Protein backbone atom coordinates (compact mmCIF):
# COMPACT_ATOMS: atom_id res chain seq x y z
CA MET A 1 -10.35 -37.61 -209.14
CA LEU A 2 -9.05 -39.56 -205.76
CA THR A 3 -5.15 -39.23 -205.78
CA LYS A 4 -2.92 -41.56 -203.85
CA GLN A 5 0.65 -40.47 -202.70
CA THR A 6 3.45 -43.18 -203.25
CA SER A 7 6.26 -43.70 -200.80
CA GLU A 8 8.85 -43.91 -203.59
CA ASN A 9 10.27 -40.33 -202.78
CA ARG A 10 11.23 -41.69 -199.49
CA VAL A 11 14.33 -43.58 -201.18
CA GLN A 12 14.76 -40.90 -204.30
CA LEU A 13 18.35 -39.34 -204.23
CA GLU A 14 18.47 -35.63 -204.70
CA MET A 15 21.06 -33.02 -205.01
CA VAL A 16 19.91 -29.98 -202.51
CA ALA A 17 22.03 -27.89 -200.20
CA LEU A 18 20.89 -27.10 -196.60
CA GLU A 19 20.61 -23.55 -197.37
CA GLN A 20 17.71 -24.01 -199.85
CA LEU A 21 15.80 -26.17 -197.39
CA VAL A 22 15.16 -23.46 -194.57
CA PRO A 23 12.57 -21.04 -195.33
CA GLU A 24 13.64 -17.37 -196.03
CA HIS A 25 11.85 -15.70 -193.47
CA HIS A 26 12.36 -18.69 -190.64
CA LEU A 27 13.15 -17.13 -187.05
CA VAL A 28 17.04 -18.65 -187.38
CA ARG A 29 17.68 -16.89 -190.48
CA LYS A 30 16.90 -13.62 -188.30
CA MET A 31 18.52 -14.32 -185.42
CA GLU A 32 21.65 -15.09 -187.31
CA ALA A 33 21.59 -11.72 -189.17
CA ALA A 34 20.77 -9.84 -185.81
CA LEU A 35 23.79 -11.10 -183.94
CA ASP A 36 27.42 -11.86 -184.55
CA PHE A 37 27.83 -14.78 -181.89
CA SER A 38 31.66 -14.66 -182.42
CA PHE A 39 31.85 -12.70 -179.27
CA ILE A 40 31.59 -15.76 -177.33
CA TYR A 41 35.04 -16.82 -178.01
CA ASP A 42 36.35 -13.86 -176.16
CA LEU A 43 34.12 -14.51 -173.19
CA VAL A 44 35.30 -17.88 -172.80
CA LYS A 45 38.89 -18.30 -174.14
CA ASP A 46 40.27 -18.35 -170.73
CA LEU A 47 38.05 -21.51 -169.43
CA TYR A 48 39.82 -23.63 -171.95
CA ALA A 49 43.00 -25.19 -171.57
CA GLU A 50 46.02 -24.85 -174.47
CA ASN A 51 46.51 -28.75 -174.65
CA GLY A 52 44.33 -31.72 -174.89
CA ARG A 53 41.47 -33.06 -177.44
CA PRO A 54 39.69 -30.28 -179.42
CA SER A 55 36.56 -29.15 -177.57
CA ILE A 56 33.12 -28.63 -178.90
CA ASP A 57 32.71 -25.38 -180.43
CA PRO A 58 31.55 -23.12 -177.62
CA VAL A 59 29.66 -21.04 -180.01
CA ILE A 60 27.76 -24.31 -180.58
CA LEU A 61 26.98 -24.66 -177.06
CA ILE A 62 25.49 -21.57 -176.70
CA LYS A 63 23.35 -21.64 -179.82
CA LEU A 64 21.94 -24.78 -178.51
CA SER A 65 20.78 -23.06 -175.42
CA ILE A 66 19.21 -20.11 -177.69
CA ILE A 67 17.43 -22.68 -179.30
CA GLN A 68 16.10 -24.33 -176.32
CA TYR A 69 14.87 -20.93 -174.75
CA THR A 70 13.71 -19.54 -177.97
CA PHE A 71 11.42 -22.02 -179.25
CA GLY A 72 10.34 -23.51 -175.69
CA ILE A 73 12.09 -27.00 -175.68
CA ARG A 74 11.65 -28.71 -172.39
CA SER A 75 15.25 -29.97 -171.97
CA MET A 76 18.58 -30.39 -173.62
CA ARG A 77 18.01 -33.92 -174.32
CA LYS A 78 15.15 -32.78 -176.46
CA THR A 79 16.44 -29.82 -177.84
CA ILE A 80 19.37 -32.47 -179.49
CA GLU A 81 16.73 -34.55 -180.84
CA GLU A 82 15.14 -31.80 -182.49
CA VAL A 83 18.33 -30.74 -183.99
CA GLU A 84 18.97 -34.23 -185.60
CA THR A 85 15.62 -34.08 -187.63
CA ASN A 86 15.26 -29.84 -188.01
CA VAL A 87 17.22 -28.57 -190.99
CA ALA A 88 16.79 -25.19 -189.72
CA TYR A 89 18.00 -25.75 -186.49
CA ARG A 90 21.04 -27.80 -188.06
CA TRP A 91 21.72 -24.75 -190.53
CA PHE A 92 21.53 -22.21 -187.45
CA LEU A 93 24.60 -24.47 -185.76
CA GLY A 94 26.46 -24.59 -189.12
CA TYR A 95 26.13 -28.70 -189.26
CA GLY A 96 25.47 -30.46 -192.45
CA PHE A 97 23.29 -33.43 -193.06
CA TYR A 98 25.86 -35.80 -191.86
CA ASP A 99 27.49 -33.95 -189.12
CA LYS A 100 27.42 -35.52 -185.82
CA VAL A 101 25.29 -33.90 -183.17
CA PRO A 102 26.95 -33.41 -179.79
CA HIS A 103 25.39 -35.67 -176.80
CA PHE A 104 23.05 -34.10 -174.75
CA SER A 105 24.91 -34.28 -171.66
CA THR A 106 27.65 -32.09 -173.38
CA PHE A 107 26.18 -28.95 -172.29
CA SER A 108 25.88 -29.91 -168.69
CA LYS A 109 29.22 -31.21 -168.61
CA ASN A 110 30.70 -28.09 -169.87
CA TYR A 111 28.43 -26.02 -167.15
CA GLU A 112 30.10 -28.11 -164.50
CA ARG A 113 33.46 -27.97 -165.34
CA ARG A 114 33.86 -24.42 -166.98
CA PHE A 115 30.90 -22.16 -166.97
CA LYS A 116 29.47 -23.01 -163.43
CA ASP A 117 31.21 -20.04 -161.21
CA THR A 118 31.26 -17.52 -164.20
CA ASP A 119 29.14 -14.76 -165.31
CA LEU A 120 29.20 -15.93 -168.75
CA PHE A 121 25.51 -16.11 -169.08
CA GLU A 122 25.01 -12.59 -167.78
CA GLN A 123 27.56 -11.28 -170.20
CA ILE A 124 25.85 -12.86 -173.09
CA PHE A 125 22.56 -11.33 -171.84
CA TYR A 126 23.83 -7.62 -171.55
CA ARG A 127 25.88 -8.24 -174.79
CA ILE A 128 22.61 -8.85 -176.59
CA LEU A 129 20.96 -5.81 -174.85
CA ARG A 130 23.81 -3.83 -175.90
CA VAL A 131 23.02 -4.66 -179.51
CA ALA A 132 19.31 -3.50 -179.02
CA ALA A 133 20.88 -0.18 -177.59
CA GLU A 134 22.99 0.07 -180.43
CA LYS A 135 20.09 -0.40 -183.10
CA LYS A 136 18.17 2.30 -180.95
CA LEU A 137 15.35 -0.24 -179.97
CA LEU A 138 15.40 0.43 -176.27
CA SER A 139 13.33 2.84 -174.51
CA PRO A 140 14.58 2.82 -170.96
CA GLU A 141 13.35 6.41 -169.68
CA HIS A 142 10.32 4.07 -168.17
CA VAL A 143 11.40 1.05 -166.25
CA PHE A 144 8.78 -1.55 -165.25
CA VAL A 145 9.71 -4.25 -162.63
CA ASP A 146 7.77 -7.31 -161.44
CA SER A 147 8.53 -10.81 -160.42
CA THR A 148 6.88 -14.33 -161.33
CA HIS A 149 7.13 -17.71 -159.76
CA VAL A 150 8.69 -20.38 -161.41
CA LYS A 151 7.82 -24.19 -159.96
CA ALA A 152 10.72 -25.86 -158.89
CA SER A 153 11.94 -29.37 -159.57
CA ALA A 154 10.74 -30.48 -155.94
CA ASN A 155 8.19 -32.49 -154.40
CA LYS A 156 6.28 -30.24 -152.28
CA ARG A 157 5.55 -33.01 -149.63
CA LYS A 158 9.42 -33.75 -149.26
CA PHE A 159 10.53 -30.94 -146.63
CA GLU A 160 12.02 -30.46 -143.26
CA LYS A 161 10.96 -27.70 -140.99
CA LYS A 162 13.89 -25.10 -139.97
CA MET A 163 14.15 -21.92 -137.80
CA VAL A 164 16.17 -19.28 -139.83
CA ARG A 165 16.89 -15.81 -138.87
CA LYS A 166 14.94 -13.19 -141.01
CA GLU A 167 17.11 -11.54 -143.72
CA THR A 168 18.41 -7.85 -142.74
CA ARG A 169 17.11 -5.38 -144.79
CA ALA A 170 19.80 -3.56 -147.02
CA TYR A 171 18.62 -0.21 -145.96
CA GLN A 172 18.84 -1.22 -141.87
CA SER A 173 21.87 0.92 -140.84
CA MET A 174 20.18 4.03 -142.54
CA LEU A 175 16.95 3.24 -140.93
CA GLU A 176 18.69 2.86 -137.22
CA THR A 177 20.49 5.91 -137.69
CA GLU A 178 17.32 8.02 -138.65
CA ILE A 179 15.48 6.02 -135.57
CA ASN A 180 17.82 7.45 -133.40
CA GLN A 181 17.83 10.90 -135.17
CA ASP A 182 14.18 10.85 -134.70
CA ARG A 183 14.10 9.73 -130.95
CA GLU A 184 16.76 12.58 -130.25
CA GLU A 185 14.42 15.36 -131.69
CA HIS A 186 11.60 13.94 -129.60
CA GLU A 187 13.78 14.03 -126.50
CA LYS A 188 14.12 10.21 -126.28
CA LYS A 189 17.04 8.29 -125.68
CA PRO A 190 18.55 6.93 -128.59
CA PHE A 191 18.52 2.79 -129.10
CA PRO A 192 21.79 1.18 -128.43
CA PRO A 193 23.30 -0.84 -131.21
CA ASP A 194 22.56 -4.09 -129.46
CA LYS A 195 18.91 -3.22 -129.34
CA PHE A 196 18.72 -3.53 -132.75
CA GLN A 197 20.91 -6.72 -133.05
CA GLY A 198 19.75 -8.59 -129.86
CA ASP A 199 16.19 -8.99 -130.95
CA GLU A 200 16.84 -10.52 -134.22
CA GLU A 201 13.65 -12.35 -135.10
CA GLU A 202 13.57 -15.91 -136.19
CA LYS A 203 11.06 -17.44 -138.40
CA GLU A 204 10.24 -21.18 -139.39
CA ILE A 205 10.35 -22.03 -143.13
CA LYS A 206 9.85 -25.22 -144.73
CA GLU A 207 13.18 -26.51 -146.58
CA SER A 208 12.83 -28.70 -149.55
CA THR A 209 14.92 -31.96 -149.27
CA THR A 210 15.00 -32.29 -153.12
CA ASP A 211 15.95 -28.89 -153.95
CA PRO A 212 17.08 -26.98 -150.56
CA GLU A 213 17.83 -23.74 -152.33
CA SER A 214 14.08 -23.22 -153.33
CA GLY A 215 11.44 -21.38 -151.42
CA TYR A 216 8.22 -22.63 -150.19
CA TYR A 217 5.62 -20.42 -151.86
CA VAL A 218 1.90 -20.23 -150.67
CA LYS A 219 -0.66 -18.33 -153.11
CA ASP A 220 -3.91 -19.91 -151.89
CA GLU A 221 -5.21 -22.88 -150.54
CA ARG A 222 -4.48 -24.81 -153.79
CA THR A 223 -1.24 -23.33 -154.68
CA LYS A 224 1.16 -24.27 -152.32
CA GLN A 225 4.69 -25.24 -153.98
CA PHE A 226 8.74 -25.06 -153.87
CA ALA A 227 9.44 -22.33 -156.56
CA TYR A 228 11.91 -19.86 -157.45
CA SER A 229 11.31 -16.02 -158.17
CA PHE A 230 12.27 -14.92 -161.42
CA HIS A 231 12.55 -10.62 -161.07
CA ALA A 232 12.94 -8.65 -164.31
CA ALA A 233 12.81 -5.04 -165.10
CA SER A 234 11.75 -4.15 -168.66
CA ASP A 235 11.47 -1.04 -170.82
CA ARG A 236 8.29 0.43 -172.47
CA ASN A 237 9.11 -1.94 -175.67
CA GLY A 238 9.11 -5.31 -173.63
CA PHE A 239 13.06 -5.77 -173.90
CA VAL A 240 14.22 -7.50 -170.48
CA LEU A 241 16.82 -4.87 -168.95
CA SER A 242 18.05 -6.78 -166.04
CA ALA A 243 17.10 -10.09 -163.96
CA LYS A 244 17.63 -11.67 -160.74
CA VAL A 245 16.41 -15.01 -159.27
CA THR A 246 15.44 -15.70 -155.51
CA PRO A 247 13.90 -18.47 -153.64
CA GLY A 248 10.13 -18.39 -154.01
CA ASN A 249 9.62 -17.21 -150.74
CA VAL A 250 11.61 -13.91 -150.73
CA HIS A 251 9.52 -10.71 -151.00
CA ASP A 252 9.37 -8.95 -154.14
CA SER A 253 10.04 -5.60 -152.60
CA HIS A 254 13.90 -6.67 -151.78
CA LEU A 255 14.61 -6.83 -155.49
CA LEU A 256 13.90 -3.44 -156.77
CA VAL A 257 16.95 -1.49 -155.83
CA PRO A 258 19.19 -4.19 -157.17
CA LEU A 259 17.36 -4.30 -160.49
CA VAL A 260 17.34 -0.58 -160.88
CA GLU A 261 20.85 -0.25 -160.28
CA GLN A 262 21.68 -3.12 -162.86
CA VAL A 263 19.75 -1.04 -165.36
CA THR A 264 21.41 2.37 -164.43
CA LYS A 265 24.75 0.58 -164.67
CA HIS A 266 24.27 -1.00 -168.15
CA VAL A 267 21.56 1.03 -169.84
CA GLY A 268 21.16 4.41 -168.23
CA LYS A 269 19.26 5.98 -165.18
CA PRO A 270 15.54 5.86 -165.69
CA LYS A 271 13.22 8.82 -165.29
CA ALA A 272 10.49 6.70 -163.90
CA VAL A 273 9.95 3.07 -162.07
CA ALA A 274 6.62 1.44 -162.44
CA ALA A 275 5.85 -1.45 -160.03
CA ASP A 276 2.76 -3.01 -158.37
CA ALA A 277 1.61 -2.75 -154.78
CA ALA A 278 4.09 -5.11 -153.31
CA TYR A 279 6.76 -2.62 -154.10
CA LYS A 280 4.94 0.32 -152.16
CA THR A 281 6.90 0.43 -149.15
CA PRO A 282 8.36 3.92 -147.41
CA ALA A 283 12.13 2.64 -148.04
CA LEU A 284 11.36 2.13 -151.77
CA THR A 285 9.70 5.38 -152.26
CA LYS A 286 12.45 7.22 -150.26
CA TYR A 287 14.90 5.31 -152.61
CA LEU A 288 13.33 6.28 -155.93
CA LEU A 289 12.31 9.95 -154.88
CA ASP A 290 16.14 10.51 -153.54
CA GLN A 291 17.43 9.03 -156.73
CA LYS A 292 15.39 11.52 -158.83
CA MET A 293 13.06 8.75 -160.16
CA LEU A 294 9.41 9.12 -160.34
CA PRO A 295 7.68 6.24 -158.57
CA VAL A 296 4.70 4.81 -160.51
CA LEU A 297 2.83 2.78 -158.06
CA PRO A 298 -0.93 2.06 -157.90
CA TYR A 299 -3.53 2.78 -155.24
CA THR A 300 -3.85 0.39 -152.31
CA ARG A 301 -6.92 -0.27 -150.42
CA PRO A 302 -7.09 0.28 -146.62
CA ARG A 303 -6.67 -3.11 -144.68
CA THR A 304 -9.26 -2.16 -141.90
CA LYS A 305 -11.84 -4.32 -140.26
CA THR A 306 -15.04 -4.04 -141.45
CA GLY A 307 -16.96 -1.37 -139.11
CA PHE A 308 -14.07 0.36 -138.18
CA PHE A 309 -12.50 3.75 -139.06
CA TYR A 310 -9.91 3.79 -141.47
CA LYS A 311 -6.31 5.01 -141.10
CA HIS A 312 -7.19 8.19 -143.05
CA ASP A 313 -10.20 9.27 -140.83
CA TYR A 314 -7.24 10.24 -138.44
CA VAL A 315 -6.08 13.42 -139.61
CA TYR A 316 -2.07 13.95 -139.04
CA ASP A 317 -1.07 17.53 -138.25
CA GLU A 318 2.39 18.14 -139.34
CA HIS A 319 2.92 21.68 -137.67
CA TYR A 320 1.97 19.92 -133.96
CA ASP A 321 3.00 16.34 -134.95
CA CYS A 322 -0.08 14.88 -133.64
CA TYR A 323 -3.07 12.99 -134.80
CA LEU A 324 -6.67 14.27 -134.60
CA CYS A 325 -9.08 11.32 -134.33
CA PRO A 326 -12.87 11.36 -135.84
CA GLU A 327 -14.20 12.57 -132.63
CA GLY A 328 -11.54 15.69 -132.16
CA GLN A 329 -9.10 14.03 -129.51
CA VAL A 330 -5.54 14.68 -130.10
CA LEU A 331 -3.37 11.77 -130.18
CA ARG A 332 0.07 12.87 -129.09
CA TYR A 333 3.54 11.24 -129.86
CA SER A 334 4.70 8.73 -127.54
CA THR A 335 7.87 7.08 -128.81
CA THR A 336 9.63 5.84 -132.08
CA ASN A 337 9.89 2.02 -132.26
CA LYS A 338 12.83 -0.07 -133.50
CA GLU A 339 11.05 -0.61 -136.72
CA GLY A 340 10.90 2.99 -137.57
CA TYR A 341 7.29 3.75 -136.68
CA ARG A 342 6.36 6.35 -134.45
CA GLU A 343 3.64 5.72 -132.18
CA TYR A 344 0.67 8.54 -131.34
CA LYS A 345 -1.50 7.47 -128.41
CA SER A 346 -4.87 8.87 -127.18
CA LEU A 347 -5.84 9.51 -123.47
CA ARG A 348 -7.48 6.47 -121.85
CA THR A 349 -9.80 8.76 -119.82
CA VAL A 350 -11.14 10.59 -122.74
CA CYS A 351 -11.44 7.42 -124.78
CA GLN A 352 -13.50 5.58 -121.89
CA GLN A 353 -16.04 7.82 -122.38
CA CYS A 354 -15.84 8.21 -126.31
CA PRO A 355 -19.16 7.19 -128.01
CA SER A 356 -17.38 5.76 -131.10
CA ILE A 357 -14.93 3.60 -129.00
CA ALA A 358 -16.34 0.62 -130.72
CA ARG A 359 -15.55 1.79 -134.01
CA CYS A 360 -12.08 2.94 -132.90
CA THR A 361 -10.06 0.18 -130.96
CA THR A 362 -10.65 -3.11 -129.32
CA SER A 363 -7.81 -2.45 -126.77
CA GLN A 364 -8.15 -3.90 -123.27
CA SER A 365 -6.71 -0.45 -121.94
CA LYS A 366 -9.13 1.58 -124.40
CA GLN A 367 -6.34 3.58 -125.68
CA LYS A 368 -6.01 4.14 -129.56
CA VAL A 369 -2.32 3.77 -130.97
CA VAL A 370 -1.67 5.43 -134.56
CA THR A 371 1.66 4.49 -136.35
CA ARG A 372 3.32 6.59 -138.96
CA HIS A 373 6.77 5.45 -140.46
CA ILE A 374 9.58 8.04 -140.20
CA TRP A 375 9.71 7.90 -144.02
CA GLN A 376 5.70 8.21 -144.19
CA GLU A 377 6.01 11.66 -146.22
CA TYR A 378 7.64 9.59 -149.37
CA ILE A 379 4.60 7.35 -149.43
CA GLU A 380 2.36 10.53 -149.11
CA GLU A 381 4.14 12.25 -152.05
CA THR A 382 3.95 8.93 -154.10
CA GLU A 383 0.17 9.19 -153.43
CA HIS A 384 -0.06 12.92 -154.71
CA LEU A 385 1.98 11.90 -157.68
CA ARG A 386 -0.44 8.61 -158.65
CA HIS A 387 -2.97 11.18 -159.39
CA ARG A 388 -1.08 13.01 -162.44
CA PHE A 389 -2.07 11.99 -166.10
CA ASP A 390 1.48 10.98 -167.09
CA VAL A 391 1.87 8.75 -164.23
CA LYS A 392 -1.53 7.01 -164.82
CA GLN A 393 -0.36 6.40 -168.54
CA ILE A 394 2.97 4.94 -167.43
CA TYR A 395 1.20 2.68 -165.00
CA ALA A 396 -1.25 1.51 -167.70
CA LYS A 397 1.78 0.33 -169.80
CA ARG A 398 2.54 -2.46 -167.15
CA LYS A 399 0.27 -4.83 -168.74
CA GLU A 400 1.85 -4.41 -172.07
CA THR A 401 5.57 -4.45 -170.85
CA ILE A 402 6.69 -6.52 -167.79
CA GLU A 403 3.57 -8.53 -167.58
CA ARG A 404 3.63 -9.66 -171.32
CA VAL A 405 7.24 -10.51 -170.76
CA PHE A 406 6.38 -12.96 -167.96
CA ALA A 407 3.26 -14.20 -170.02
CA ASP A 408 5.25 -14.84 -173.18
CA ALA A 409 8.23 -16.53 -171.18
CA LYS A 410 5.83 -19.00 -169.75
CA GLU A 411 3.73 -19.86 -172.59
CA LYS A 412 6.31 -19.76 -175.38
CA HIS A 413 9.67 -20.07 -173.73
CA GLY A 414 9.39 -22.97 -171.06
CA MET A 415 9.58 -20.87 -167.96
CA ARG A 416 6.46 -22.05 -166.24
CA TRP A 417 8.25 -24.66 -164.56
CA THR A 418 12.06 -25.87 -164.37
CA THR A 419 13.89 -29.17 -164.49
CA LEU A 420 17.11 -27.62 -163.04
CA ARG A 421 18.04 -27.28 -159.45
CA GLY A 422 19.74 -24.57 -157.39
CA LEU A 423 19.94 -20.85 -157.71
CA LYS A 424 23.12 -20.95 -160.00
CA LYS A 425 21.46 -23.17 -162.73
CA LEU A 426 18.25 -20.99 -162.07
CA SER A 427 20.17 -17.73 -162.74
CA MET A 428 21.63 -19.35 -166.01
CA GLN A 429 17.87 -20.39 -167.19
CA ALA A 430 16.71 -17.00 -166.23
CA MET A 431 19.54 -15.02 -168.25
CA LEU A 432 19.32 -17.23 -171.21
CA THR A 433 15.68 -17.29 -171.55
CA PHE A 434 15.64 -13.11 -171.23
CA ALA A 435 18.55 -13.04 -173.52
CA ALA A 436 16.67 -15.39 -176.06
CA MET A 437 13.44 -13.44 -175.84
CA ASN A 438 15.56 -10.18 -176.45
CA LEU A 439 17.31 -11.43 -179.46
CA LYS A 440 14.05 -12.81 -181.08
CA LYS A 441 12.64 -9.26 -180.70
CA ILE A 442 15.77 -7.72 -182.13
CA ALA A 443 15.84 -10.36 -184.84
CA ASN A 444 11.99 -9.62 -185.95
CA TRP A 445 12.45 -5.79 -185.50
CA THR A 446 15.70 -5.54 -187.64
CA TRP A 447 14.90 -8.34 -190.53
CA GLN A 448 15.55 -6.94 -193.70
CA GLY A 449 14.87 -10.06 -195.73
CA PRO A 450 16.93 -11.87 -198.20
CA GLU A 451 19.04 -9.93 -200.89
CA TYR A 452 18.77 -11.43 -204.24
CA ALA A 453 21.48 -11.10 -206.90
């Protein structure tokens, strides 16, 4: 029998409480049960004046952001529109049917006037992380580090080309000291300080005229855009333990040490750190091994031209500090350059008569040069560790941890692109997004369900 629904119920008066309309297992109920948001009052009490008009409740402001980033709503304007009609969101905020929802610009005005130059969002992130630790949900023995690019709110065709000085590496002073020590051990004069500082290299970059703090990112011929890099570290359960935001043209390896130090400070020192090939550098392997952390890094294919000998075809003799080429010639130590690489050179007279010269070098002088970093032994130790069964198991977890974190963040929490501009605002977005993801995980894992009388 055909049934037709009437529209009379639209104007029907009913006695109902908001509590009755929110499903028992809705995510907002789980989040409300998982975290007491009153801690926010202590974080912001010094940011408000004692006189003047009553403010919007700061917990409401933070909860609005939690709603936005938990449910992947694209803007605060759209979030307010959703709150006006969604009874679950109203329940989460503590609003009744007739309470007026704040204007969408309220959060941005409070950000500019109160929260902009504070670490409020970072404190919220670490407070939620502390709740996860208290509930025994974290497993920080193995930490997984990676980054992802977030498309900036900037036209990739509107830019200016500028020459800027290359960034100074965090470990530069230690490297310079060890370079000079190595040169002295090989009876070479140490470099004067101005030798390292006087030849500072510059590079040309594209700076967006729309968002100058973003960075121009090139992945392939089709992916060229201004972007930000969201760097994060997670545990084996998928909780984000620390996060940083940089322009999109900053190399991933620059952020591993700050991320690991944040994890050590707020959660505890990890036993192993897993990352992809971008982090496989002499400086980072030295840092991890010196800190008694197990470096879990992948195999990297040799970057050698087709038809030429591979780097591993030249065998290093540690006792005599020299290399042996595939034809048996000795390449002896020549110098240590200011980049930290020892140079080993062959004899020109021998190389000119060598039958394998075409597979060895294209040098006009017919001389082969092999370089070896002064911290190369740390890379080699990492290569040996890579074959251990436990290391292979840890590395296999990357796709289930940090890679899944970024996949969920982009697909479910609106991190694929941003409408905000500037590093401070993007840092706020990163902290609130990862805080919302951690809270969502805590809420789902600890939910006990409603209690019935």
